[in-house]
Amino acid sequence: MKCPFCNAEDTKVIDSRPADNSIRRRRQCEVCGKRFTTYEKVETIPLMIIKKGDRREPYDRAKLEDGVMRACHKRPISVDTVSAMIDEIENEIMGREEKEIPSSEVGEIVMEHLRRLDDVAYVRFASVYKEFKDVDTFLREIEKVAKKKN
């Protein structure tokens, strides 16, 4: 591993510990003495998402994060809580050990997690995911959420 400060090839690992789906290594350069952190992640076969019309694209955590963050916008939910939920969703998706998964299944998993986290975030996500066509559809979904609370 090259030192990011002086580009020397001589670095040693000072500390190693597991981190979210990776290994965190604290390193020190043998030449300049500066310390830096690296993360090693296990390479896996990429998961493909089957979109509408049978189009396939590689799984992209950033897209999942974007959709969930939009649903949680201006809600009293911490970024750490959202990040932990996204980790749970990702672990559930990857735990299926399938190489391809329909986007509809991913959407259902996200909605289930949002339903448990925050009703407003759930309805926001559902309105986009289920493509609500009118106010009546929106109201029916809100009524379902309200009934489950009682």
C-alpha atoms as a PDB file:
ATOM      1  CA  MET A   1       0.000   0.000   0.000  1.00  0.00           C
ATOM      2  CA  LYS A   2       1.462   3.346  -1.039  1.00  0.00           C
ATOM      3  CA  CYS A   3       1.596   6.191   1.447  1.00  0.00           C
ATOM      4  CA  PRO A   4      -0.827   8.926   0.314  1.00  0.00           C
ATOM      5  CA  PHE A   5       1.541  11.580   1.695  1.00  0.00           C
ATOM      6  CA  CYS A   6       4.974  10.637   0.304  1.00  0.00           C
ATOM      7  CA  ASN A   7       4.118   7.761  -2.108  1.00  0.00           C
ATOM      8  CA  ALA A   8       6.520   5.415  -0.343  1.00  0.00           C
ATOM      9  CA  GLU A   9       5.827   1.687  -0.783  1.00  0.00           C
ATOM     10  CA  ASP A  10       6.734   0.828   2.828  1.00  0.00           C
ATOM     11  CA  THR A  11       3.705   0.946   5.125  1.00  0.00           C
ATOM     12  CA  LYS A  12       2.743  -1.247   8.038  1.00  0.00           C
ATOM     13  CA  VAL A  13      -0.635  -2.129   9.512  1.00  0.00           C
ATOM     14  CA  ILE A  14      -0.994  -0.802  13.064  1.00  0.00           C
ATOM     15  CA  ASP A  15      -4.603  -1.814  13.726  1.00  0.00           C
ATOM     16  CA  SER A  16      -7.208  -3.881  11.903  1.00  0.00           C
ATOM     17  CA  ARG A  17     -10.893  -4.191  12.717  1.00  0.00           C
ATOM     18  CA  PRO A  18     -14.165  -5.058  11.006  1.00  0.00           C
ATOM     19  CA  ALA A  19     -16.328  -2.174   9.765  1.00  0.00           C
ATOM     20  CA  ASP A  20     -19.636  -2.144   7.860  1.00  0.00           C
ATOM     21  CA  ASN A  21     -19.130  -4.912   5.271  1.00  0.00           C
ATOM     22  CA  SER A  22     -15.396  -4.174   5.125  1.00  0.00           C
ATOM     23  CA  ILE A  23     -12.151  -4.247   7.091  1.00  0.00           C
ATOM     24  CA  ARG A  24     -10.731  -1.006   8.452  1.00  0.00           C
ATOM     25  CA  ARG A  25      -6.946  -0.884   8.627  1.00  0.00           C
ATOM     26  CA  ARG A  26      -4.923   1.830  10.338  1.00  0.00           C
ATOM     27  CA  ARG A  27      -1.540   2.109   8.639  1.00  0.00           C
ATOM     28  CA  GLN A  28       1.718   3.980   9.222  1.00  0.00           C
ATOM     29  CA  CYS A  29       4.299   4.928   6.622  1.00  0.00           C
ATOM     30  CA  GLU A  30       7.771   3.560   7.381  1.00  0.00           C
ATOM     31  CA  VAL A  31       9.402   6.504   5.559  1.00  0.00           C
ATOM     32  CA  CYS A  32       7.546   9.665   6.678  1.00  0.00           C
ATOM     33  CA  GLY A  33       5.847   8.230   9.783  1.00  0.00           C
ATOM     34  CA  LYS A  34       2.373   9.594   8.920  1.00  0.00           C
ATOM     35  CA  ARG A  35      -0.716   7.503   9.615  1.00  0.00           C
ATOM     36  CA  PHE A  36      -3.725   6.872   7.394  1.00  0.00           C
ATOM     37  CA  THR A  37      -6.751   4.584   7.204  1.00  0.00           C
ATOM     38  CA  THR A  38      -7.720   2.168   4.447  1.00  0.00           C
ATOM     39  CA  TYR A  39     -10.845   0.073   3.967  1.00  0.00           C
ATOM     40  CA  GLU A  40     -10.907  -3.310   2.281  1.00  0.00           C
ATOM     41  CA  LYS A  41     -14.166  -4.579   0.884  1.00  0.00           C
ATOM     42  CA  VAL A  42     -14.846  -8.091  -0.344  1.00  0.00           C
ATOM     43  CA  GLU A  43     -15.620  -8.152  -4.043  1.00  0.00           C
ATOM     44  CA  THR A  44     -18.816  -9.975  -4.832  1.00  0.00           C
ATOM     45  CA  ILE A  45     -20.739 -10.746  -7.978  1.00  0.00           C
ATOM     46  CA  PRO A  46     -22.682  -7.583  -8.762  1.00  0.00           C
ATOM     47  CA  LEU A  47     -26.375  -7.701  -8.022  1.00  0.00           C
ATOM     48  CA  MET A  48     -28.542  -6.753 -10.989  1.00  0.00           C
ATOM     49  CA  ILE A  49     -31.853  -4.943 -10.585  1.00  0.00           C
ATOM     50  CA  ILE A  50     -34.591  -5.871 -13.051  1.00  0.00           C
ATOM     51  CA  LYS A  51     -36.404  -2.647 -13.924  1.00  0.00           C
ATOM     52  CA  LYS A  52     -39.748  -2.189 -15.662  1.00  0.00           C
ATOM     53  CA  GLY A  53     -39.658  -3.466 -19.222  1.00  0.00           C
ATOM     54  CA  ASP A  54     -37.049  -6.135 -18.241  1.00  0.00           C
ATOM     55  CA  ARG A  55     -34.215  -3.612 -18.385  1.00  0.00           C
ATOM     56  CA  ARG A  56     -31.335  -4.611 -16.101  1.00  0.00           C
ATOM     57  CA  GLU A  57     -28.885  -2.373 -14.301  1.00  0.00           C
ATOM     58  CA  PRO A  58     -26.334  -2.935 -11.538  1.00  0.00           C
ATOM     59  CA  TYR A  59     -27.500  -2.361  -7.966  1.00  0.00           C
ATOM     60  CA  ASP A  60     -26.565   1.142  -6.850  1.00  0.00           C
ATOM     61  CA  ARG A  61     -26.701   1.977  -3.144  1.00  0.00           C
ATOM     62  CA  ALA A  62     -26.690   5.695  -3.997  1.00  0.00           C
ATOM     63  CA  LYS A  63     -30.060   5.341  -5.766  1.00  0.00           C
ATOM     64  CA  LEU A  64     -31.527   3.583  -2.739  1.00  0.00           C
ATOM     65  CA  GLU A  65     -30.124   6.290  -0.430  1.00  0.00           C
ATOM     66  CA  ASP A  66     -31.496   9.046  -2.659  1.00  0.00           C
ATOM     67  CA  GLY A  67     -35.028   7.637  -2.662  1.00  0.00           C
ATOM     68  CA  VAL A  68     -35.079   7.055   1.087  1.00  0.00           C
ATOM     69  CA  MET A  69     -33.546  10.461   1.857  1.00  0.00           C
ATOM     70  CA  ARG A  70     -36.187  12.179  -0.294  1.00  0.00           C
ATOM     71  CA  ALA A  71     -38.939  10.337   1.571  1.00  0.00           C
ATOM     72  CA  CYS A  72     -37.410  11.328   4.940  1.00  0.00           C
ATOM     73  CA  HIS A  73     -36.750  14.966   3.951  1.00  0.00           C
ATOM     74  CA  LYS A  74     -37.724  17.385   6.757  1.00  0.00           C
ATOM     75  CA  ARG A  75     -38.796  14.535   9.028  1.00  0.00           C
ATOM     76  CA  PRO A  76     -37.436  14.120  12.569  1.00  0.00           C
ATOM     77  CA  ILE A  77     -35.215  11.219  11.522  1.00  0.00           C
ATOM     78  CA  SER A  78     -31.455  11.330  12.015  1.00  0.00           C
ATOM     79  CA  VAL A  79     -29.049  10.599   9.184  1.00  0.00           C
ATOM     80  CA  ASP A  80     -27.604   7.763  11.312  1.00  0.00           C
ATOM     81  CA  THR A  81     -31.069   6.176  11.609  1.00  0.00           C
ATOM     82  CA  VAL A  82     -31.613   6.424   7.850  1.00  0.00           C
ATOM     83  CA  SER A  83     -28.136   5.017   7.172  1.00  0.00           C
ATOM     84  CA  ALA A  84     -28.733   2.093   9.545  1.00  0.00           C
ATOM     85  CA  MET A  85     -32.071   1.376   7.845  1.00  0.00           C
ATOM     86  CA  ILE A  86     -30.426   1.439   4.413  1.00  0.00           C
ATOM     87  CA  ASP A  87     -27.790  -1.015   5.730  1.00  0.00           C
ATOM     88  CA  GLU A  88     -30.614  -3.311   6.903  1.00  0.00           C
ATOM     89  CA  ILE A  89     -32.360  -3.085   3.521  1.00  0.00           C
ATOM     90  CA  GLU A  90     -29.098  -3.754   1.682  1.00  0.00           C
ATOM     91  CA  ASN A  91     -28.314  -6.744   3.921  1.00  0.00           C
ATOM     92  CA  GLU A  92     -31.808  -8.122   3.298  1.00  0.00           C
ATOM     93  CA  ILE A  93     -31.412  -7.727  -0.468  1.00  0.00           C
ATOM     94  CA  MET A  94     -27.902  -9.209  -0.545  1.00  0.00           C
ATOM     95  CA  GLY A  95     -28.921 -11.967   1.861  1.00  0.00           C
ATOM     96  CA  ARG A  96     -31.226 -13.427  -0.772  1.00  0.00           C
ATOM     97  CA  GLU A  97     -28.161 -14.682  -2.613  1.00  0.00           C
ATOM     98  CA  GLU A  98     -29.826 -14.032  -5.950  1.00  0.00           C
ATOM     99  CA  LYS A  99     -27.907 -12.428  -8.794  1.00  0.00           C
ATOM    100  CA  GLU A 100     -30.991 -10.564 -10.022  1.00  0.00           C
ATOM    101  CA  ILE A 101     -33.880  -9.024  -8.108  1.00  0.00           C
ATOM    102  CA  PRO A 102     -36.869  -7.113  -9.491  1.00  0.00           C
ATOM    103  CA  SER A 103     -37.015  -3.429  -8.556  1.00  0.00           C
ATOM    104  CA  SER A 104     -40.573  -4.068  -7.351  1.00  0.00           C
ATOM    105  CA  GLU A 105     -39.223  -6.361  -4.597  1.00  0.00           C
ATOM    106  CA  VAL A 106     -36.677  -3.740  -3.574  1.00  0.00           C
ATOM    107  CA  GLY A 107     -39.485  -1.159  -3.433  1.00  0.00           C
ATOM    108  CA  GLU A 108     -41.620  -3.409  -1.235  1.00  0.00           C
ATOM    109  CA  ILE A 109     -38.707  -4.000   1.149  1.00  0.00           C
ATOM    110  CA  VAL A 110     -38.041  -0.250   1.375  1.00  0.00           C
ATOM    111  CA  MET A 111     -41.732   0.481   2.011  1.00  0.00           C
ATOM    112  CA  GLU A 112     -41.868  -2.097   4.808  1.00  0.00           C
ATOM    113  CA  HIS A 113     -38.862  -0.525   6.538  1.00  0.00           C
ATOM    114  CA  LEU A 114     -40.223   3.012   6.080  1.00  0.00           C
ATOM    115  CA  ARG A 115     -43.646   1.930   7.370  1.00  0.00           C
ATOM    116  CA  ARG A 116     -41.965   0.892  10.642  1.00  0.00           C
ATOM    117  CA  LEU A 117     -39.832   4.053  10.781  1.00  0.00           C
ATOM    118  CA  ASP A 118     -42.136   6.949   9.889  1.00  0.00           C
ATOM    119  CA  ASP A 119     -45.664   7.113   8.462  1.00  0.00           C
ATOM    120  CA  VAL A 120     -45.117  10.320   6.490  1.00  0.00           C
ATOM    121  CA  ALA A 121     -41.887   9.052   4.932  1.00  0.00           C
ATOM    122  CA  TYR A 122     -43.691   5.814   4.044  1.00  0.00           C
ATOM    123  CA  VAL A 123     -46.578   7.641   2.317  1.00  0.00           C
ATOM    124  CA  ARG A 124     -44.151   9.888   0.442  1.00  0.00           C
ATOM    125  CA  PHE A 125     -42.168   6.918  -0.843  1.00  0.00           C
ATOM    126  CA  ALA A 126     -45.318   4.914  -1.630  1.00  0.00           C
ATOM    127  CA  SER A 127     -46.843   7.796  -3.600  1.00  0.00           C
ATOM    128  CA  VAL A 128     -43.867   7.788  -5.974  1.00  0.00           C
ATOM    129  CA  TYR A 129     -43.253   4.035  -5.960  1.00  0.00           C
ATOM    130  CA  LYS A 130     -46.905   3.082  -6.516  1.00  0.00           C
ATOM    131  CA  GLU A 131     -47.381   5.996  -8.926  1.00  0.00           C
ATOM    132  CA  PHE A 132     -50.532   7.398  -7.317  1.00  0.00           C
ATOM    133  CA  LYS A 133     -52.652   8.806 -10.125  1.00  0.00           C
ATOM    134  CA  ASP A 134     -55.067  10.917  -8.091  1.00  0.00           C
ATOM    135  CA  VAL A 135     -55.883  12.276  -4.647  1.00  0.00           C
ATOM    136  CA  ASP A 136     -58.308   9.423  -3.898  1.00  0.00           C
ATOM    137  CA  THR A 137     -55.517   6.838  -4.205  1.00  0.00           C
ATOM    138  CA  PHE A 138     -53.359   8.975  -1.932  1.00  0.00           C
ATOM    139  CA  LEU A 139     -56.161   9.256   0.645  1.00  0.00           C
ATOM    140  CA  ARG A 140     -56.822   5.496   0.606  1.00  0.00           C
ATOM    141  CA  GLU A 141     -53.152   4.842   1.408  1.00  0.00           C
ATOM    142  CA  ILE A 142     -53.232   7.380   4.247  1.00  0.00           C
ATOM    143  CA  GLU A 143     -56.369   5.716   5.619  1.00  0.00           C
ATOM    144  CA  LYS A 144     -54.617   2.329   5.585  1.00  0.00           C
ATOM    145  CA  VAL A 145     -51.737   3.803   7.587  1.00  0.00           C
ATOM    146  CA  ALA A 146     -54.125   5.466  10.041  1.00  0.00           C
ATOM    147  CA  LYS A 147     -56.053   2.184  10.579  1.00  0.00           C
ATOM    148  CA  LYS A 148     -52.846   0.259  11.312  1.00  0.00           C
ATOM    149  CA  LYS A 149     -51.928   2.816  13.988  1.00  0.00           C
ATOM    150  CA  ASN A 150     -55.205   2.259  15.864  1.00  0.00           C
END
